[in-house]
Amino acid sequence: MSENEVLKIPFGDLDIAKERLRRGGSTVDGLHAEVPAMPEAGEFSGAAGAVLAHLLDATAQLAIGLGAVGDAVGAAAAAYREGDGAARDIVLQLWTN
């Protein structure tokens, strides 16, 4: 992107991204209700349980991360709206004076 190009992101797209990220985090978090029982794998039960525990931890971190990114996108969208509105007001004031 060159310095003369302008990046335009519609406010609605940011709202959609925020909601999808939050919903994704909630969906991943809901997977904990579907956790299988500790596998009975003989001498490998401990290792299989450790893998399962690692996967559960990873999904929990993913759920937290998706929710946090959704919150950050929401905060950025609010700041973007506020800045855009303030800039619009300044331009209109200069234009009409």
PDB file of N, CA and C in Angstrom:
ATOM      1  N   MET A   1       0.848  -1.166   0.000  1.00  0.00           N
ATOM      2  CA  MET A   1       0.000   0.000   0.000  1.00  0.00           C
ATOM      3  C   MET A   1       0.897   1.233   0.000  1.00  0.00           C
ATOM      4  N   SER A   2       0.702   2.088  -0.967  1.00  0.00           N
ATOM      5  CA  SER A   2       1.520   3.293  -1.047  1.00  0.00           C
ATOM      6  C   SER A   2       0.960   4.354  -0.103  1.00  0.00           C
ATOM      7  N   GLU A   3       1.721   5.394   0.128  1.00  0.00           N
ATOM      8  CA  GLU A   3       1.286   6.440   1.046  1.00  0.00           C
ATOM      9  C   GLU A   3       0.093   7.230   0.522  1.00  0.00           C
ATOM     10  N   ASN A   4      -0.195   7.152  -0.768  1.00  0.00           N
ATOM     11  CA  ASN A   4      -1.333   7.865  -1.341  1.00  0.00           C
ATOM     12  C   ASN A   4      -2.636   7.067  -1.294  1.00  0.00           C
ATOM     13  N   GLU A   5      -2.538   5.781  -0.967  1.00  0.00           N
ATOM     14  CA  GLU A   5      -3.734   4.950  -0.884  1.00  0.00           C
ATOM     15  C   GLU A   5      -4.373   5.111   0.494  1.00  0.00           C
ATOM     16  N   VAL A   6      -5.673   4.942   0.537  1.00  0.00           N
ATOM     17  CA  VAL A   6      -6.410   5.079   1.781  1.00  0.00           C
ATOM     18  C   VAL A   6      -7.050   3.734   2.122  1.00  0.00           C
ATOM     19  N   LEU A   7      -6.876   3.326   3.351  1.00  0.00           N
ATOM     20  CA  LEU A   7      -7.498   2.096   3.828  1.00  0.00           C
ATOM     21  C   LEU A   7      -8.860   2.459   4.410  1.00  0.00           C
ATOM     22  N   LYS A   8      -9.900   1.886   3.859  1.00  0.00           N
ATOM     23  CA  LYS A   8     -11.252   2.157   4.343  1.00  0.00           C
ATOM     24  C   LYS A   8     -11.859   0.865   4.870  1.00  0.00           C
ATOM     25  N   ILE A   9     -12.287   0.907   6.102  1.00  0.00           N
ATOM     26  CA  ILE A   9     -12.940  -0.245   6.708  1.00  0.00           C
ATOM     27  C   ILE A   9     -14.314   0.207   7.182  1.00  0.00           C
ATOM     28  N   PRO A  10     -15.376  -0.319   6.599  1.00  0.00           N
ATOM     29  CA  PRO A  10     -16.718   0.070   7.047  1.00  0.00           C
ATOM     30  C   PRO A  10     -16.932  -0.313   8.513  1.00  0.00           C
ATOM     31  N   PHE A  11     -17.601   0.570   9.251  1.00  0.00           N
ATOM     32  CA  PHE A  11     -17.844   0.308  10.668  1.00  0.00           C
ATOM     33  C   PHE A  11     -18.562  -1.016  10.877  1.00  0.00           C
ATOM     34  N   GLY A  12     -19.500  -1.308  10.009  1.00  0.00           N
ATOM     35  CA  GLY A  12     -20.251  -2.554  10.138  1.00  0.00           C
ATOM     36  C   GLY A  12     -19.372  -3.785  10.039  1.00  0.00           C
ATOM     37  N   ASP A  13     -18.328  -3.724   9.212  1.00  0.00           N
ATOM     38  CA  ASP A  13     -17.416  -4.860   9.087  1.00  0.00           C
ATOM     39  C   ASP A  13     -16.673  -5.100  10.396  1.00  0.00           C
ATOM     40  N   LEU A  14     -16.320  -4.025  11.086  1.00  0.00           N
ATOM     41  CA  LEU A  14     -15.645  -4.173  12.379  1.00  0.00           C
ATOM     42  C   LEU A  14     -16.588  -4.796  13.406  1.00  0.00           C
ATOM     43  N   ASP A  15     -17.849  -4.387  13.376  1.00  0.00           N
ATOM     44  CA  ASP A  15     -18.826  -4.965  14.303  1.00  0.00           C
ATOM     45  C   ASP A  15     -19.017  -6.453  14.030  1.00  0.00           C
ATOM     46  N   ILE A  16     -19.064  -6.817  12.758  1.00  0.00           N
ATOM     47  CA  ILE A  16     -19.204  -8.228  12.384  1.00  0.00           C
ATOM     48  C   ILE A  16     -17.987  -9.020  12.855  1.00  0.00           C
ATOM     49  N   ALA A  17     -16.795  -8.486  12.626  1.00  0.00           N
ATOM     50  CA  ALA A  17     -15.566  -9.176  13.051  1.00  0.00           C
ATOM     51  C   ALA A  17     -15.561  -9.358  14.564  1.00  0.00           C
ATOM     52  N   LYS A  18     -15.922  -8.310  15.294  1.00  0.00           N
ATOM     53  CA  LYS A  18     -15.956  -8.374  16.756  1.00  0.00           C
ATOM     54  C   LYS A  18     -16.892  -9.487  17.217  1.00  0.00           C
ATOM     55  N   GLU A  19     -18.091  -9.521  16.675  1.00  0.00           N
ATOM     56  CA  GLU A  19     -19.069 -10.522  17.093  1.00  0.00           C
ATOM     57  C   GLU A  19     -18.648 -11.935  16.708  1.00  0.00           C
ATOM     58  N   ARG A  20     -18.062 -12.087  15.528  1.00  0.00           N
ATOM     59  CA  ARG A  20     -17.614 -13.422  15.104  1.00  0.00           C
ATOM     60  C   ARG A  20     -16.480 -13.926  15.998  1.00  0.00           C
ATOM     61  N   LEU A  21     -15.577 -13.042  16.359  1.00  0.00           N
ATOM     62  CA  LEU A  21     -14.484 -13.440  17.243  1.00  0.00           C
ATOM     63  C   LEU A  21     -15.015 -13.833  18.618  1.00  0.00           C
ATOM     64  N   ARG A  22     -15.895 -13.029  19.159  1.00  0.00           N
ATOM     65  CA  ARG A  22     -16.476 -13.344  20.475  1.00  0.00           C
ATOM     66  C   ARG A  22     -17.271 -14.643  20.424  1.00  0.00           C
ATOM     67  N   ARG A  23     -18.072 -14.813  19.359  1.00  0.00           N
ATOM     68  CA  ARG A  23     -18.867 -16.038  19.213  1.00  0.00           C
ATOM     69  C   ARG A  23     -17.950 -17.249  19.064  1.00  0.00           C
ATOM     70  N   GLY A  24     -16.868 -17.075  18.295  1.00  0.00           N
ATOM     71  CA  GLY A  24     -15.909 -18.168  18.140  1.00  0.00           C
ATOM     72  C   GLY A  24     -15.292 -18.564  19.475  1.00  0.00           C
ATOM     73  N   GLY A  25     -14.953 -17.570  20.281  1.00  0.00           N
ATOM     74  CA  GLY A  25     -14.402 -17.853  21.608  1.00  0.00           C
ATOM     75  C   GLY A  25     -15.394 -18.591  22.478  1.00  0.00           C
ATOM     76  N   SER A  26     -16.655 -18.187  22.421  1.00  0.00           N
ATOM     77  CA  SER A  26     -17.691 -18.862  23.206  1.00  0.00           C
ATOM     78  C   SER A  26     -17.901 -20.292  22.720  1.00  0.00           C
ATOM     79  N   THR A  27     -17.864 -20.471  21.404  1.00  0.00           N
ATOM     80  CA  THR A  27     -18.039 -21.813  20.845  1.00  0.00           C
ATOM     81  C   THR A  27     -16.902 -22.733  21.270  1.00  0.00           C
ATOM     82  N   VAL A  28     -15.687 -22.233  21.171  1.00  0.00           N
ATOM     83  CA  VAL A  28     -14.528 -23.040  21.579  1.00  0.00           C
ATOM     84  C   VAL A  28     -14.606 -23.331  23.076  1.00  0.00           C
ATOM     85  N   ASP A  29     -14.997 -22.335  23.854  1.00  0.00           N
ATOM     86  CA  ASP A  29     -15.121 -22.540  25.292  1.00  0.00           C
ATOM     87  C   ASP A  29     -16.174 -23.598  25.599  1.00  0.00           C
ATOM     88  N   GLY A  30     -17.229 -23.636  24.803  1.00  0.00           N
ATOM     89  CA  GLY A  30     -18.285 -24.626  24.997  1.00  0.00           C
ATOM     90  C   GLY A  30     -17.849 -26.051  24.716  1.00  0.00           C
ATOM     91  N   LEU A  31     -16.722 -26.209  24.049  1.00  0.00           N
ATOM     92  CA  LEU A  31     -16.232 -27.562  23.759  1.00  0.00           C
ATOM     93  C   LEU A  31     -15.842 -28.308  25.025  1.00  0.00           C
ATOM     94  N   HIS A  32     -15.581 -27.585  26.110  1.00  0.00           N
ATOM     95  CA  HIS A  32     -15.203 -28.245  27.363  1.00  0.00           C
ATOM     96  C   HIS A  32     -16.321 -29.148  27.879  1.00  0.00           C
ATOM     97  N   ALA A  33     -17.557 -28.855  27.505  1.00  0.00           N
ATOM     98  CA  ALA A  33     -18.678 -29.693  27.931  1.00  0.00           C
ATOM     99  C   ALA A  33     -18.668 -31.037  27.208  1.00  0.00           C
ATOM    100  N   GLU A  34     -17.926 -31.111  26.112  1.00  0.00           N
ATOM    101  CA  GLU A  34     -17.895 -32.337  25.316  1.00  0.00           C
ATOM    102  C   GLU A  34     -16.579 -33.095  25.458  1.00  0.00           C
ATOM    103  N   VAL A  35     -15.873 -32.867  26.565  1.00  0.00           N
ATOM    104  CA  VAL A  35     -14.573 -33.506  26.773  1.00  0.00           C
ATOM    105  C   VAL A  35     -14.772 -35.002  27.020  1.00  0.00           C
ATOM    106  N   PRO A  36     -14.042 -35.811  26.289  1.00  0.00           N
ATOM    107  CA  PRO A  36     -14.166 -37.258  26.513  1.00  0.00           C
ATOM    108  C   PRO A  36     -13.521 -37.657  27.849  1.00  0.00           C
ATOM    109  N   ALA A  37     -13.915 -38.790  28.324  1.00  0.00           N
ATOM    110  CA  ALA A  37     -13.340 -39.322  29.567  1.00  0.00           C
ATOM    111  C   ALA A  37     -11.872 -39.667  29.342  1.00  0.00           C
ATOM    112  N   MET A  38     -11.149 -39.785  30.435  1.00  0.00           N
ATOM    113  CA  MET A  38      -9.734 -40.163  30.357  1.00  0.00           C
ATOM    114  C   MET A  38      -9.649 -41.507  29.631  1.00  0.00           C
ATOM    115  N   PRO A  39      -8.830 -41.561  28.595  1.00  0.00           N
ATOM    116  CA  PRO A  39      -8.749 -42.809  27.825  1.00  0.00           C
ATOM    117  C   PRO A  39      -8.104 -43.932  28.631  1.00  0.00           C
ATOM    118  N   GLU A  40      -8.611 -45.137  28.424  1.00  0.00           N
ATOM    119  CA  GLU A  40      -7.991 -46.310  29.036  1.00  0.00           C
ATOM    120  C   GLU A  40      -7.130 -46.941  27.955  1.00  0.00           C
ATOM    121  N   ALA A  41      -5.840 -46.659  28.033  1.00  0.00           N
ATOM    122  CA  ALA A  41      -4.916 -47.125  27.001  1.00  0.00           C
ATOM    123  C   ALA A  41      -3.762 -47.914  27.616  1.00  0.00           C
ATOM    124  N   GLY A  42      -4.094 -48.648  28.664  1.00  0.00           N
ATOM    125  CA  GLY A  42      -3.065 -49.469  29.293  1.00  0.00           C
ATOM    126  C   GLY A  42      -1.912 -48.629  29.793  1.00  0.00           C
ATOM    127  N   GLU A  43      -0.707 -49.044  29.465  1.00  0.00           N
ATOM    128  CA  GLU A  43       0.480 -48.322  29.940  1.00  0.00           C
ATOM    129  C   GLU A  43       0.609 -46.921  29.331  1.00  0.00           C
ATOM    130  N   PHE A  44      -0.155 -46.652  28.283  1.00  0.00           N
ATOM    131  CA  PHE A  44      -0.106 -45.332  27.646  1.00  0.00           C
ATOM    132  C   PHE A  44      -1.216 -44.386  28.133  1.00  0.00           C
ATOM    133  N   SER A  45      -1.992 -44.828  29.113  1.00  0.00           N
ATOM    134  CA  SER A  45      -3.074 -43.994  29.638  1.00  0.00           C
ATOM    135  C   SER A  45      -2.562 -42.662  30.148  1.00  0.00           C
ATOM    136  N   GLY A  46      -1.462 -42.673  30.839  1.00  0.00           N
ATOM    137  CA  GLY A  46      -0.896 -41.422  31.365  1.00  0.00           C
ATOM    138  C   GLY A  46      -0.505 -40.471  30.246  1.00  0.00           C
ATOM    139  N   ALA A  47       0.139 -41.001  29.222  1.00  0.00           N
ATOM    140  CA  ALA A  47       0.546 -40.161  28.092  1.00  0.00           C
ATOM    141  C   ALA A  47      -0.672 -39.647  27.331  1.00  0.00           C
ATOM    142  N   ALA A  48      -1.656 -40.518  27.136  1.00  0.00           N
ATOM    143  CA  ALA A  48      -2.869 -40.101  26.434  1.00  0.00           C
ATOM    144  C   ALA A  48      -3.598 -39.034  27.248  1.00  0.00           C
ATOM    145  N   GLY A  49      -3.630 -39.190  28.558  1.00  0.00           N
ATOM    146  CA  GLY A  49      -4.249 -38.197  29.429  1.00  0.00           C
ATOM    147  C   GLY A  49      -3.509 -36.873  29.373  1.00  0.00           C
ATOM    148  N   ALA A  50      -2.183 -36.928  29.303  1.00  0.00           N
ATOM    149  CA  ALA A  50      -1.385 -35.703  29.212  1.00  0.00           C
ATOM    150  C   ALA A  50      -1.660 -34.972  27.898  1.00  0.00           C
ATOM    151  N   VAL A  51      -1.793 -35.729  26.819  1.00  0.00           N
ATOM    152  CA  VAL A  51      -2.113 -35.115  25.523  1.00  0.00           C
ATOM    153  C   VAL A  51      -3.486 -34.467  25.596  1.00  0.00           C
ATOM    154  N   LEU A  52      -4.452 -35.166  26.177  1.00  0.00           N
ATOM    155  CA  LEU A  52      -5.803 -34.629  26.312  1.00  0.00           C
ATOM    156  C   LEU A  52      -5.789 -33.350  27.163  1.00  0.00           C
ATOM    157  N   ALA A  53      -5.049 -33.377  28.261  1.00  0.00           N
ATOM    158  CA  ALA A  53      -4.948 -32.191  29.120  1.00  0.00           C
ATOM    159  C   ALA A  53      -4.322 -31.030  28.364  1.00  0.00           C
ATOM    160  N   HIS A  54      -3.311 -31.316  27.553  1.00  0.00           N
ATOM    161  CA  HIS A  54      -2.666 -30.263  26.759  1.00  0.00           C
ATOM    162  C   HIS A  54      -3.653 -29.670  25.745  1.00  0.00           C
ATOM    163  N   LEU A  55      -4.416 -30.521  25.096  1.00  0.00           N
ATOM    164  CA  LEU A  55      -5.410 -30.042  24.131  1.00  0.00           C
ATOM    165  C   LEU A  55      -6.482 -29.198  24.824  1.00  0.00           C
ATOM    166  N   LEU A  56      -6.912 -29.607  26.008  1.00  0.00           N
ATOM    167  CA  LEU A  56      -7.902 -28.830  26.748  1.00  0.00           C
ATOM    168  C   LEU A  56      -7.352 -27.465  27.128  1.00  0.00           C
ATOM    169  N   ASP A  57      -6.100 -27.434  27.550  1.00  0.00           N
ATOM    170  CA  ASP A  57      -5.472 -26.155  27.896  1.00  0.00           C
ATOM    171  C   ASP A  57      -5.363 -25.271  26.656  1.00  0.00           C
ATOM    172  N   ALA A  58      -4.985 -25.860  25.533  1.00  0.00           N
ATOM    173  CA  ALA A  58      -4.853 -25.092  24.290  1.00  0.00           C
ATOM    174  C   ALA A  58      -6.202 -24.521  23.855  1.00  0.00           C
ATOM    175  N   THR A  59      -7.275 -25.303  23.973  1.00  0.00           N
ATOM    176  CA  THR A  59      -8.589 -24.787  23.584  1.00  0.00           C
ATOM    177  C   THR A  59      -9.044 -23.681  24.533  1.00  0.00           C
ATOM    178  N   ALA A  60      -8.722 -23.809  25.812  1.00  0.00           N
ATOM    179  CA  ALA A  60      -9.069 -22.741  26.766  1.00  0.00           C
ATOM    180  C   ALA A  60      -8.327 -21.457  26.416  1.00  0.00           C
ATOM    181  N   GLN A  61      -7.061 -21.577  26.083  1.00  0.00           N
ATOM    182  CA  GLN A  61      -6.278 -20.396  25.697  1.00  0.00           C
ATOM    183  C   GLN A  61      -6.808 -19.790  24.401  1.00  0.00           C
ATOM    184  N   LEU A  62      -7.210 -20.637  23.474  1.00  0.00           N
ATOM    185  CA  LEU A  62      -7.784 -20.153  22.218  1.00  0.00           C
ATOM    186  C   LEU A  62      -9.083 -19.397  22.484  1.00  0.00           C
ATOM    187  N   ALA A  63      -9.932 -19.950  23.347  1.00  0.00           N
ATOM    188  CA  ALA A  63     -11.196 -19.287  23.676  1.00  0.00           C
ATOM    189  C   ALA A  63     -10.943 -17.922  24.309  1.00  0.00           C
ATOM    190  N   ILE A  64     -10.008 -17.856  25.236  1.00  0.00           N
ATOM    191  CA  ILE A  64      -9.661 -16.592  25.891  1.00  0.00           C
ATOM    192  C   ILE A  64      -9.106 -15.610  24.866  1.00  0.00           C
ATOM    193  N   GLY A  65      -8.222 -16.092  24.003  1.00  0.00           N
ATOM    194  CA  GLY A  65      -7.612 -15.236  22.988  1.00  0.00           C
ATOM    195  C   GLY A  65      -8.615 -14.683  22.003  1.00  0.00           C
ATOM    196  N   LEU A  66      -9.543 -15.518  21.546  1.00  0.00           N
ATOM    197  CA  LEU A  66     -10.563 -15.043  20.602  1.00  0.00           C
ATOM    198  C   LEU A  66     -11.449 -13.982  21.242  1.00  0.00           C
ATOM    199  N   GLY A  67     -11.822 -14.216  22.489  1.00  0.00           N
ATOM    200  CA  GLY A  67     -12.629 -13.224  23.191  1.00  0.00           C
ATOM    201  C   GLY A  67     -11.883 -11.916  23.374  1.00  0.00           C
ATOM    202  N   ALA A  68     -10.597 -12.004  23.727  1.00  0.00           N
ATOM    203  CA  ALA A  68      -9.790 -10.798  23.926  1.00  0.00           C
ATOM    204  C   ALA A  68      -9.602 -10.030  22.622  1.00  0.00           C
ATOM    205  N   VAL A  69      -9.380 -10.740  21.536  1.00  0.00           N
ATOM    206  CA  VAL A  69      -9.234 -10.068  20.238  1.00  0.00           C
ATOM    207  C   VAL A  69     -10.565  -9.424  19.839  1.00  0.00           C
ATOM    208  N   GLY A  70     -11.679 -10.107  20.093  1.00  0.00           N
ATOM    209  CA  GLY A  70     -12.986  -9.515  19.824  1.00  0.00           C
ATOM    210  C   GLY A  70     -13.193  -8.234  20.612  1.00  0.00           C
ATOM    211  N   ASP A  71     -12.792  -8.248  21.886  1.00  0.00           N
ATOM    212  CA  ASP A  71     -12.899  -7.039  22.716  1.00  0.00           C
ATOM    213  C   ASP A  71     -12.006  -5.926  22.172  1.00  0.00           C
ATOM    214  N   ALA A  72     -10.800  -6.287  21.737  1.00  0.00           N
ATOM    215  CA  ALA A  72      -9.873  -5.284  21.199  1.00  0.00           C
ATOM    216  C   ALA A  72     -10.407  -4.683  19.897  1.00  0.00           C
ATOM    217  N   VAL A  73     -10.985  -5.519  19.052  1.00  0.00           N
ATOM    218  CA  VAL A  73     -11.575  -5.007  17.805  1.00  0.00           C
ATOM    219  C   VAL A  73     -12.736  -4.069  18.141  1.00  0.00           C
ATOM    220  N   GLY A  74     -13.536  -4.424  19.138  1.00  0.00           N
ATOM    221  CA  GLY A  74     -14.637  -3.563  19.555  1.00  0.00           C
ATOM    222  C   GLY A  74     -14.144  -2.215  20.067  1.00  0.00           C
ATOM    223  N   ALA A  75     -13.086  -2.233  20.877  1.00  0.00           N
ATOM    224  CA  ALA A  75     -12.512  -0.982  21.395  1.00  0.00           C
ATOM    225  C   ALA A  75     -11.913  -0.147  20.267  1.00  0.00           C
ATOM    226  N   ALA A  76     -11.235  -0.804  19.337  1.00  0.00           N
ATOM    227  CA  ALA A  76     -10.644  -0.083  18.202  1.00  0.00           C
ATOM    228  C   ALA A  76     -11.747   0.516  17.319  1.00  0.00           C
ATOM    229  N   ALA A  77     -12.835  -0.232  17.133  1.00  0.00           N
ATOM    230  CA  ALA A  77     -13.949   0.276  16.320  1.00  0.00           C
ATOM    231  C   ALA A  77     -14.569   1.506  16.973  1.00  0.00           C
ATOM    232  N   ALA A  78     -14.709   1.478  18.299  1.00  0.00           N
ATOM    233  CA  ALA A  78     -15.279   2.631  19.007  1.00  0.00           C
ATOM    234  C   ALA A  78     -14.370   3.851  18.871  1.00  0.00           C
ATOM    235  N   ALA A  79     -13.062   3.628  19.011  1.00  0.00           N
ATOM    236  CA  ALA A  79     -12.109   4.734  18.860  1.00  0.00           C
ATOM    237  C   ALA A  79     -12.107   5.260  17.422  1.00  0.00           C
ATOM    238  N   TYR A  80     -12.222   4.355  16.465  1.00  0.00           N
ATOM    239  CA  TYR A  80     -12.266   4.722  15.053  1.00  0.00           C
ATOM    240  C   TYR A  80     -13.502   5.574  14.772  1.00  0.00           C
ATOM    241  N   ARG A  81     -14.662   5.129  15.286  1.00  0.00           N
ATOM    242  CA  ARG A  81     -15.896   5.900  15.101  1.00  0.00           C
ATOM    243  C   ARG A  81     -15.770   7.294  15.710  1.00  0.00           C
ATOM    244  N   GLU A  82     -15.239   7.334  16.927  1.00  0.00           N
ATOM    245  CA  GLU A  82     -15.096   8.614  17.621  1.00  0.00           C
ATOM    246  C   GLU A  82     -14.148   9.546  16.863  1.00  0.00           C
ATOM    247  N   GLY A  83     -13.006   9.024  16.437  1.00  0.00           N
ATOM    248  CA  GLY A  83     -12.044   9.835  15.685  1.00  0.00           C
ATOM    249  C   GLY A  83     -12.585  10.279  14.353  1.00  0.00           C
ATOM    250  N   ASP A  84     -13.302   9.392  13.694  1.00  0.00           N
ATOM    251  CA  ASP A  84     -13.885   9.729  12.400  1.00  0.00           C
ATOM    252  C   ASP A  84     -14.948  10.814  12.564  1.00  0.00           C
ATOM    253  N   GLY A  85     -15.762  10.686  13.600  1.00  0.00           N
ATOM    254  CA  GLY A  85     -16.790  11.691  13.857  1.00  0.00           C
ATOM    255  C   GLY A  85     -16.184  13.044  14.208  1.00  0.00           C
ATOM    256  N   ALA A  86     -15.126  13.030  15.023  1.00  0.00           N
ATOM    257  CA  ALA A  86     -14.467  14.287  15.391  1.00  0.00           C
ATOM    258  C   ALA A  86     -13.844  14.947  14.166  1.00  0.00           C
ATOM    259  N   ALA A  87     -13.211  14.150  13.315  1.00  0.00           N
ATOM    260  CA  ALA A  87     -12.599  14.697  12.091  1.00  0.00           C
ATOM    261  C   ALA A  87     -13.675  15.274  11.178  1.00  0.00           C
ATOM    262  N   ARG A  88     -14.791  14.558  11.065  1.00  0.00           N
ATOM    263  CA  ARG A  88     -15.903  15.047  10.243  1.00  0.00           C
ATOM    264  C   ARG A  88     -16.407  16.396  10.767  1.00  0.00           C
ATOM    265  N   ASP A  89     -16.550  16.496  12.094  1.00  0.00           N
ATOM    266  CA  ASP A  89     -17.028  17.747  12.691  1.00  0.00           C
ATOM    267  C   ASP A  89     -16.072  18.901  12.422  1.00  0.00           C
ATOM    268  N   ILE A  90     -14.783  18.631  12.495  1.00  0.00           N
ATOM    269  CA  ILE A  90     -13.788  19.672  12.235  1.00  0.00           C
ATOM    270  C   ILE A  90     -13.848  20.126  10.786  1.00  0.00           C
ATOM    271  N   VAL A  91     -13.921  19.174   9.876  1.00  0.00           N
ATOM    272  CA  VAL A  91     -13.985  19.512   8.449  1.00  0.00           C
ATOM    273  C   VAL A  91     -15.256  20.310   8.152  1.00  0.00           C
ATOM    274  N   LEU A  92     -16.386  19.887   8.707  1.00  0.00           N
ATOM    275  CA  LEU A  92     -17.635  20.623   8.478  1.00  0.00           C
ATOM    276  C   LEU A  92     -17.564  22.036   9.052  1.00  0.00           C
ATOM    277  N   GLN A  93     -16.938  22.165  10.208  1.00  0.00           N
ATOM    278  CA  GLN A  93     -16.805  23.494  10.821  1.00  0.00           C
ATOM    279  C   GLN A  93     -15.919  24.381   9.951  1.00  0.00           C
ATOM    280  N   LEU A  94     -14.819  23.845   9.466  1.00  0.00           N
ATOM    281  CA  LEU A  94     -13.934  24.633   8.604  1.00  0.00           C
ATOM    282  C   LEU A  94     -14.622  24.971   7.284  1.00  0.00           C
ATOM    283  N   TRP A  95     -15.391  24.036   6.755  1.00  0.00           N
ATOM    284  CA  TRP A  95     -16.052  24.212   5.467  1.00  0.00           C
ATOM    285  C   TRP A  95     -17.123  25.295   5.536  1.00  0.00           C
ATOM    286  N   THR A  96     -17.832  25.340   6.655  1.00  0.00           N
ATOM    287  CA  THR A  96     -18.962  26.270   6.771  1.00  0.00           C
ATOM    288  C   THR A  96     -18.537  27.651   7.262  1.00  0.00           C
ATOM    289  N   ASN A  97     -17.318  27.781   7.738  1.00  0.00           N
ATOM    290  CA  ASN A  97     -16.864  29.107   8.221  1.00  0.00           C
ATOM    291  C   ASN A  97     -16.180  29.895   7.152  1.00  0.00           C
TER     292      ASN A  97
END
